[in-house]
Amino acid sequence: MTISNEGNGMTQGTRAADALPPEPVTLRAADGYALRGHVWRHRGGSVARPVTVINCATSVRCDYYFRFAAWLFAQGRDVLVYDYRGIGGSRPAQLAKLRANWLDWGRLDCEAALQYARDAFPGQPIDVVAHSIGGVALGLAASNVNVRHAVTVGAQYAYWRDYMPAERRRMWWKWHVAMPVLAAMFGYVPAKRLGWMEDTPRGVALSWVRSQARFEAGYTRGLLAEPAASRAALPARFAGLSAPMLAIGLDDDGFGTVEAIERLVGYYTGSDVTHLRIAPADIGVDAIGHFAFFHSRFTETLWPLALYWLQHGVLPADAPGKVHAIHPASRGRGPGSGVAGVVANG
């Protein structure tokens, strides 16, 4: 596939002179919470240069995405990565006292990131790359109406019946039995010492544990309780996104199955969504899974695919994998339905 450099028509040489190193930034959410992030920016503003916001997976530090962010920057983009509250640089001194869940990561934290991109890069197009729960956070952020193009990777909300059948029992015991027990014992999930991921706020763990077929149904009781009117309004937040979306699913990802990704994209009724499935064999590797898309070994295979969509809002003719479904923007698609509105390819 052919990708072009962006911005002021810079060449590789002028881009090196123009580029600034990543800088730490603080984003302020609407409730006052301070979020830590990093920005790659070029000298001099240009309304032609897009800025890409990267939404992390659950309990993954934003520095995991630094290689991908730096690569996007080298293609002529400004880039923002950030940690959700409770994670990485946005972790408070006493994690057990933090009340935060997936709704906060979207309505407050992703919203703060999109507002920062709008204010710090005035007039520049805003694109989003969202990994796993980052694809949900995008839908919850009111400022998603300002997004031009979106790419999600393995994005879903962990409804256990959608897990890969061969892995479902193991995943259920780990994430829906062990995780809530640990959260109750410690006031948070001490996942880092177990080699799972970053330590995780209790409310985030409960968001995961209580995921239902419909996303909003998980927020009815206890620490996650939302007023009925607030729950009912959640689908409209997702529908606010009108950006063309590429939803990438990896065939060896136990979370990002066809059913799981279809369930989430059903909420994005305001967007034209293309659901692309990629098997490791499609790019000549043994495994990709839920996390490896952002590893630098895929600089020549997977990353150009994401960049092409960010640039053009369509798939390149030589895209790897197979289109599973194309969902035109339509209020007729039901959120969380899993398969409604599918237009199959081949």
Foldseek 3Di string as FASTA:
>chain_A
DDDAAWDPRDDLVVLVVFWDDKDWDWFAWPVGQTWIKIKTDGPDAGLGAAEEEEAEAAQAAQVLLVVLQVVNVSSHHIYMYIDFQCHDPNNDPQLLPDQDALLCCQQIVVLRVLVCRCVVRPNHAYEYEYAASRLVSLLNYQPLLRHAAYEYELHFQQPLVQFDVVCSVVCCCVLQPVQLVCCVVRSWHPVVVVVRHHIGHNRHSQLNNQADLFSLVSQPDDSRPDPPVVSVCSLVSLCSNQHAYEYEYEPQARRRHLQRSLQAVLSNLNYWYWYFYAYCVLVPDDDCYRPNLSPCVCVPANSVQVSVCSVPVDGDPPHTGATQFIAHRDPPRHHSPRCPRGDGDD
